[in-house]
Amino acid sequence: MTKIIINSNAETETLLNLVKLMKDLPVHGDKLFDRAQKRIKSMNADPEWRDMIMGFETRMLEREQVGEKKGLKTGALTLVASLKDVGCTSQQILQQLKQKYGNVFSDKQLEEFLKQS
C-alpha cells in the first residue's frame, strides 16, 4: 500500500483542484478534472462497482483492527516483562494489565499474557 500526503493548503491550481476532488467538491475549468469527475460519477452509479469498493473498504478496516489489536497485545506483553523486571508480583501485574488493557482484552486473555512472559 502506498500513502500519498497532499498539503491541503496547496498553492498550485492543479493541487488545489486535486484537493477539491478528494473532498468531493466540484472542480471547474480543467479538462483533466472534468474527465475525472465524470468517471467518478459513472463509477458511483454502478452498483457492482460500489459493492466491490464497499467490500474493499470493509477488508481494509478489518485489517486495521487486527493490526491495532496485535499492537495492543505487544504493548501488554511489554508491560508484563517490564513489571516483572522491577519485581512486581503476578497480582500487581494483572491489576495493571486490567487497568490499561481491560477494555480491549478479557481477563482470561490478560492472564494468558502474564503466563506467556
N, C-alpha and C. Protein backbone atom coordinates (compact mmCIF):
# COMPACT_ATOMS: atom_id res chain seq x y z
N MET A 1 0.85 -1.17 0.00
CA MET A 1 0.00 0.00 0.00
C MET A 1 0.89 1.23 0.00
N THR A 2 0.50 2.22 -0.76
CA THR A 2 1.23 3.47 -0.84
C THR A 2 0.33 4.59 -0.33
N LYS A 3 0.86 5.39 0.55
CA LYS A 3 0.12 6.55 1.04
C LYS A 3 0.72 7.79 0.41
N ILE A 4 -0.16 8.67 -0.03
CA ILE A 4 0.27 9.94 -0.61
C ILE A 4 -0.28 11.04 0.28
N ILE A 5 0.59 11.93 0.69
CA ILE A 5 0.18 13.05 1.54
C ILE A 5 0.21 14.30 0.68
N ILE A 6 -0.92 14.98 0.67
CA ILE A 6 -1.03 16.20 -0.11
C ILE A 6 -1.38 17.34 0.83
N ASN A 7 -0.64 18.39 0.73
CA ASN A 7 -0.88 19.56 1.55
C ASN A 7 -2.21 20.18 1.13
N SER A 8 -3.16 20.22 2.06
CA SER A 8 -4.47 20.77 1.72
C SER A 8 -4.42 22.29 1.55
N ASN A 9 -3.30 22.87 1.84
CA ASN A 9 -3.12 24.31 1.61
C ASN A 9 -2.27 24.53 0.35
N ALA A 10 -2.43 23.60 -0.58
CA ALA A 10 -1.63 23.65 -1.81
C ALA A 10 -1.79 25.00 -2.50
N GLU A 11 -0.73 25.41 -3.17
CA GLU A 11 -0.77 26.73 -3.78
C GLU A 11 -0.90 26.68 -5.30
N THR A 12 -0.66 25.53 -5.92
CA THR A 12 -0.83 25.45 -7.37
C THR A 12 -2.28 25.09 -7.67
N GLU A 13 -2.75 25.57 -8.79
CA GLU A 13 -4.15 25.32 -9.19
C GLU A 13 -4.43 23.82 -9.30
N THR A 14 -3.50 23.07 -9.86
CA THR A 14 -3.70 21.63 -10.03
C THR A 14 -3.83 20.94 -8.68
N LEU A 15 -2.97 21.27 -7.74
CA LEU A 15 -3.07 20.64 -6.42
C LEU A 15 -4.34 21.08 -5.69
N LEU A 16 -4.71 22.34 -5.85
CA LEU A 16 -5.96 22.81 -5.24
C LEU A 16 -7.14 22.03 -5.82
N ASN A 17 -7.13 21.80 -7.12
CA ASN A 17 -8.20 21.04 -7.75
C ASN A 17 -8.20 19.59 -7.28
N LEU A 18 -7.02 19.02 -7.11
CA LEU A 18 -6.94 17.65 -6.61
C LEU A 18 -7.51 17.54 -5.20
N VAL A 19 -7.18 18.49 -4.37
CA VAL A 19 -7.72 18.51 -3.00
C VAL A 19 -9.24 18.64 -3.05
N LYS A 20 -9.75 19.52 -3.90
CA LYS A 20 -11.20 19.66 -4.04
C LYS A 20 -11.83 18.34 -4.48
N LEU A 21 -11.22 17.70 -5.45
CA LEU A 21 -11.74 16.42 -5.95
C LEU A 21 -11.77 15.38 -4.84
N MET A 22 -10.70 15.33 -4.05
CA MET A 22 -10.63 14.36 -2.96
C MET A 22 -11.67 14.66 -1.88
N LYS A 23 -12.02 15.92 -1.72
CA LYS A 23 -13.04 16.31 -0.74
C LYS A 23 -14.44 16.27 -1.33
N ASP A 24 -14.54 15.74 -2.54
CA ASP A 24 -15.81 15.60 -3.24
C ASP A 24 -16.46 16.96 -3.52
N LEU A 25 -15.62 17.95 -3.79
CA LEU A 25 -16.10 19.28 -4.16
C LEU A 25 -15.98 19.43 -5.68
N PRO A 26 -16.84 20.19 -6.31
CA PRO A 26 -16.76 20.35 -7.76
C PRO A 26 -15.52 21.13 -8.19
N VAL A 27 -14.97 20.71 -9.32
CA VAL A 27 -13.82 21.40 -9.92
C VAL A 27 -14.26 21.85 -11.31
N HIS A 28 -14.00 23.11 -11.66
CA HIS A 28 -14.43 23.65 -12.94
C HIS A 28 -13.24 24.17 -13.72
N GLY A 29 -13.33 24.07 -15.04
CA GLY A 29 -12.35 24.70 -15.92
C GLY A 29 -11.06 23.94 -16.12
N ASP A 30 -11.04 22.66 -15.83
CA ASP A 30 -9.83 21.85 -16.03
C ASP A 30 -10.27 20.54 -16.69
N LYS A 31 -9.84 20.32 -17.93
CA LYS A 31 -10.29 19.16 -18.70
C LYS A 31 -9.97 17.84 -17.99
N LEU A 32 -8.79 17.75 -17.40
CA LEU A 32 -8.40 16.52 -16.71
C LEU A 32 -9.35 16.23 -15.55
N PHE A 33 -9.64 17.25 -14.78
CA PHE A 33 -10.53 17.05 -13.63
C PHE A 33 -11.98 16.88 -14.07
N ASP A 34 -12.36 17.49 -15.21
CA ASP A 34 -13.70 17.25 -15.75
C ASP A 34 -13.87 15.77 -16.08
N ARG A 35 -12.86 15.21 -16.74
CA ARG A 35 -12.90 13.77 -17.08
C ARG A 35 -12.94 12.92 -15.82
N ALA A 36 -12.11 13.28 -14.84
CA ALA A 36 -12.06 12.51 -13.59
C ALA A 36 -13.41 12.55 -12.88
N GLN A 37 -14.03 13.73 -12.84
CA GLN A 37 -15.33 13.85 -12.17
C GLN A 37 -16.40 13.04 -12.89
N LYS A 38 -16.38 13.04 -14.22
CA LYS A 38 -17.34 12.23 -14.99
C LYS A 38 -17.13 10.75 -14.70
N ARG A 39 -15.87 10.33 -14.65
CA ARG A 39 -15.56 8.92 -14.39
C ARG A 39 -16.00 8.53 -12.98
N ILE A 40 -15.76 9.38 -12.03
CA ILE A 40 -16.18 9.11 -10.64
C ILE A 40 -17.69 8.99 -10.56
N LYS A 41 -18.38 9.91 -11.23
CA LYS A 41 -19.84 9.87 -11.23
C LYS A 41 -20.35 8.57 -11.85
N SER A 42 -19.73 8.18 -12.94
CA SER A 42 -20.11 6.94 -13.63
C SER A 42 -19.87 5.72 -12.73
N MET A 43 -18.73 5.69 -12.08
CA MET A 43 -18.40 4.56 -11.20
C MET A 43 -19.34 4.51 -10.01
N ASN A 44 -19.64 5.66 -9.44
CA ASN A 44 -20.54 5.71 -8.29
C ASN A 44 -21.95 5.25 -8.65
N ALA A 45 -22.32 5.38 -9.92
CA ALA A 45 -23.65 4.96 -10.36
C ALA A 45 -23.72 3.47 -10.62
N ASP A 46 -22.58 2.80 -10.65
CA ASP A 46 -22.52 1.36 -10.95
C ASP A 46 -22.62 0.57 -9.64
N PRO A 47 -23.75 -0.14 -9.41
CA PRO A 47 -23.93 -0.87 -8.15
C PRO A 47 -22.86 -1.95 -7.92
N GLU A 48 -22.43 -2.60 -8.99
CA GLU A 48 -21.41 -3.64 -8.86
C GLU A 48 -20.09 -3.04 -8.37
N TRP A 49 -19.72 -1.90 -8.95
CA TRP A 49 -18.50 -1.20 -8.54
C TRP A 49 -18.60 -0.74 -7.09
N ARG A 50 -19.75 -0.18 -6.72
CA ARG A 50 -19.95 0.29 -5.34
C ARG A 50 -19.81 -0.87 -4.35
N ASP A 51 -20.41 -2.02 -4.69
CA ASP A 51 -20.31 -3.20 -3.81
C ASP A 51 -18.86 -3.65 -3.67
N MET A 52 -18.12 -3.62 -4.78
CA MET A 52 -16.72 -4.03 -4.74
C MET A 52 -15.91 -3.08 -3.84
N ILE A 53 -16.15 -1.79 -3.98
CA ILE A 53 -15.44 -0.80 -3.17
C ILE A 53 -15.80 -0.93 -1.70
N MET A 54 -17.08 -1.14 -1.42
CA MET A 54 -17.52 -1.31 -0.03
C MET A 54 -16.85 -2.54 0.58
N GLY A 55 -16.76 -3.62 -0.19
CA GLY A 55 -16.08 -4.83 0.29
C GLY A 55 -14.61 -4.56 0.57
N PHE A 56 -13.99 -3.83 -0.33
CA PHE A 56 -12.58 -3.48 -0.16
C PHE A 56 -12.38 -2.64 1.10
N GLU A 57 -13.22 -1.64 1.29
CA GLU A 57 -13.11 -0.78 2.46
C GLU A 57 -13.35 -1.56 3.75
N THR A 58 -14.27 -2.51 3.71
CA THR A 58 -14.53 -3.35 4.88
C THR A 58 -13.31 -4.19 5.21
N ARG A 59 -12.69 -4.80 4.20
CA ARG A 59 -11.48 -5.61 4.43
C ARG A 59 -10.34 -4.75 4.97
N MET A 60 -10.21 -3.53 4.45
CA MET A 60 -9.16 -2.62 4.94
C MET A 60 -9.38 -2.30 6.42
N LEU A 61 -10.62 -2.03 6.79
CA LEU A 61 -10.94 -1.72 8.18
C LEU A 61 -10.66 -2.93 9.07
N GLU A 62 -11.01 -4.13 8.61
CA GLU A 62 -10.75 -5.34 9.39
C GLU A 62 -9.26 -5.53 9.59
N ARG A 63 -8.47 -5.32 8.54
CA ARG A 63 -7.01 -5.45 8.67
C ARG A 63 -6.45 -4.44 9.66
N GLU A 64 -6.97 -3.23 9.59
CA GLU A 64 -6.53 -2.18 10.50
C GLU A 64 -6.83 -2.56 11.95
N GLN A 65 -8.01 -3.12 12.18
CA GLN A 65 -8.40 -3.53 13.53
C GLN A 65 -7.53 -4.68 14.03
N VAL A 66 -7.22 -5.63 13.14
CA VAL A 66 -6.34 -6.74 13.52
C VAL A 66 -4.96 -6.21 13.88
N GLY A 67 -4.45 -5.28 13.08
CA GLY A 67 -3.14 -4.69 13.35
C GLY A 67 -3.13 -3.94 14.67
N GLU A 68 -4.20 -3.22 14.93
CA GLU A 68 -4.29 -2.48 16.19
C GLU A 68 -4.29 -3.44 17.37
N LYS A 69 -5.03 -4.52 17.25
CA LYS A 69 -5.12 -5.49 18.35
C LYS A 69 -3.75 -6.15 18.57
N LYS A 70 -3.03 -6.46 17.48
CA LYS A 70 -1.69 -7.04 17.60
C LYS A 70 -0.75 -6.06 18.32
N GLY A 71 -0.87 -4.78 17.96
CA GLY A 71 -0.04 -3.76 18.61
C GLY A 71 -0.35 -3.65 20.09
N LEU A 72 -1.63 -3.73 20.44
CA LEU A 72 -2.01 -3.68 21.85
C LEU A 72 -1.51 -4.90 22.60
N LYS A 73 -1.55 -6.06 21.95
CA LYS A 73 -1.05 -7.27 22.59
C LYS A 73 0.45 -7.15 22.86
N THR A 74 1.16 -6.61 21.88
CA THR A 74 2.61 -6.40 22.06
C THR A 74 2.85 -5.45 23.22
N GLY A 75 2.05 -4.40 23.32
CA GLY A 75 2.18 -3.46 24.43
C GLY A 75 1.92 -4.12 25.76
N ALA A 76 0.91 -4.98 25.81
CA ALA A 76 0.59 -5.68 27.06
C ALA A 76 1.73 -6.61 27.46
N LEU A 77 2.28 -7.33 26.50
CA LEU A 77 3.39 -8.25 26.80
C LEU A 77 4.63 -7.48 27.25
N THR A 78 4.85 -6.33 26.65
CA THR A 78 5.99 -5.48 27.05
C THR A 78 5.80 -4.98 28.47
N LEU A 79 4.57 -4.60 28.80
CA LEU A 79 4.27 -4.14 30.15
C LEU A 79 4.53 -5.25 31.16
N VAL A 80 4.09 -6.45 30.84
CA VAL A 80 4.31 -7.60 31.74
C VAL A 80 5.80 -7.78 31.99
N ALA A 81 6.58 -7.81 30.90
CA ALA A 81 8.02 -8.01 31.04
C ALA A 81 8.67 -6.91 31.87
N SER A 82 8.26 -5.67 31.63
CA SER A 82 8.84 -4.54 32.37
C SER A 82 8.51 -4.61 33.86
N LEU A 83 7.25 -4.95 34.16
CA LEU A 83 6.84 -5.03 35.56
C LEU A 83 7.50 -6.21 36.27
N LYS A 84 7.73 -7.29 35.55
CA LYS A 84 8.47 -8.42 36.13
C LYS A 84 9.90 -8.00 36.44
N ASP A 85 10.48 -7.23 35.51
CA ASP A 85 11.87 -6.78 35.69
C ASP A 85 12.05 -5.94 36.95
N VAL A 86 11.02 -5.17 37.32
CA VAL A 86 11.14 -4.33 38.50
C VAL A 86 10.61 -5.02 39.76
N GLY A 87 10.28 -6.30 39.63
CA GLY A 87 9.93 -7.09 40.80
C GLY A 87 8.47 -7.09 41.21
N CYS A 88 7.56 -6.69 40.34
CA CYS A 88 6.14 -6.71 40.68
C CYS A 88 5.63 -8.15 40.76
N THR A 89 4.66 -8.35 41.62
CA THR A 89 4.05 -9.67 41.75
C THR A 89 3.07 -9.90 40.60
N SER A 90 2.71 -11.16 40.40
CA SER A 90 1.74 -11.50 39.35
C SER A 90 0.43 -10.76 39.57
N GLN A 91 0.02 -10.65 40.82
CA GLN A 91 -1.22 -9.94 41.15
C GLN A 91 -1.13 -8.47 40.75
N GLN A 92 -0.01 -7.83 41.06
CA GLN A 92 0.17 -6.41 40.71
C GLN A 92 0.19 -6.23 39.19
N ILE A 93 0.86 -7.15 38.51
CA ILE A 93 0.95 -7.07 37.05
C ILE A 93 -0.44 -7.23 36.44
N LEU A 94 -1.18 -8.21 36.92
CA LEU A 94 -2.52 -8.45 36.39
C LEU A 94 -3.42 -7.23 36.63
N GLN A 95 -3.26 -6.61 37.77
CA GLN A 95 -4.03 -5.41 38.08
C GLN A 95 -3.71 -4.30 37.06
N GLN A 96 -2.43 -4.12 36.78
CA GLN A 96 -2.02 -3.10 35.79
C GLN A 96 -2.54 -3.45 34.39
N LEU A 97 -2.47 -4.72 34.03
CA LEU A 97 -2.98 -5.14 32.73
C LEU A 97 -4.47 -4.84 32.60
N LYS A 98 -5.21 -5.15 33.65
CA LYS A 98 -6.66 -4.90 33.62
C LYS A 98 -6.95 -3.41 33.52
N GLN A 99 -6.14 -2.62 34.22
CA GLN A 99 -6.34 -1.17 34.21
C GLN A 99 -6.06 -0.59 32.82
N LYS A 100 -4.99 -1.05 32.18
CA LYS A 100 -4.58 -0.47 30.90
C LYS A 100 -5.22 -1.14 29.70
N TYR A 101 -5.50 -2.44 29.80
CA TYR A 101 -5.97 -3.17 28.62
C TYR A 101 -7.29 -3.91 28.84
N GLY A 102 -7.91 -3.69 29.98
CA GLY A 102 -9.15 -4.39 30.29
C GLY A 102 -10.32 -4.05 29.38
N ASN A 103 -10.24 -2.90 28.74
CA ASN A 103 -11.32 -2.52 27.82
C ASN A 103 -11.16 -3.16 26.45
N VAL A 104 -10.00 -3.81 26.20
CA VAL A 104 -9.73 -4.43 24.91
C VAL A 104 -9.69 -5.95 25.01
N PHE A 105 -9.09 -6.46 26.09
CA PHE A 105 -8.91 -7.89 26.25
C PHE A 105 -9.69 -8.39 27.46
N SER A 106 -10.10 -9.65 27.40
CA SER A 106 -10.81 -10.26 28.52
C SER A 106 -9.82 -10.57 29.64
N ASP A 107 -10.34 -10.82 30.84
CA ASP A 107 -9.47 -11.19 31.96
C ASP A 107 -8.67 -12.44 31.63
N LYS A 108 -9.33 -13.38 30.96
CA LYS A 108 -8.65 -14.63 30.60
C LYS A 108 -7.48 -14.36 29.65
N GLN A 109 -7.68 -13.48 28.66
CA GLN A 109 -6.60 -13.13 27.74
C GLN A 109 -5.45 -12.44 28.48
N LEU A 110 -5.79 -11.55 29.40
CA LEU A 110 -4.76 -10.85 30.17
C LEU A 110 -3.96 -11.83 31.03
N GLU A 111 -4.65 -12.79 31.62
CA GLU A 111 -3.97 -13.80 32.42
C GLU A 111 -3.04 -14.63 31.53
N GLU A 112 -3.46 -14.87 30.30
CA GLU A 112 -2.62 -15.61 29.35
C GLU A 112 -1.37 -14.81 28.99
N PHE A 113 -1.50 -13.52 28.84
CA PHE A 113 -0.33 -12.67 28.56
C PHE A 113 0.67 -12.77 29.71
N LEU A 114 0.15 -12.80 30.92
CA LEU A 114 1.00 -12.91 32.11
C LEU A 114 1.77 -14.22 32.08
N LYS A 115 1.09 -15.30 31.69
CA LYS A 115 1.74 -16.62 31.61
C LYS A 115 2.77 -16.67 30.49
N GLN A 116 2.52 -15.97 29.40
CA GLN A 116 3.41 -16.01 28.23
C GLN A 116 4.77 -15.37 28.52
N SER A 117 4.79 -14.39 29.38
CA SER A 117 6.05 -13.66 29.62
C SER A 117 6.90 -14.34 30.66
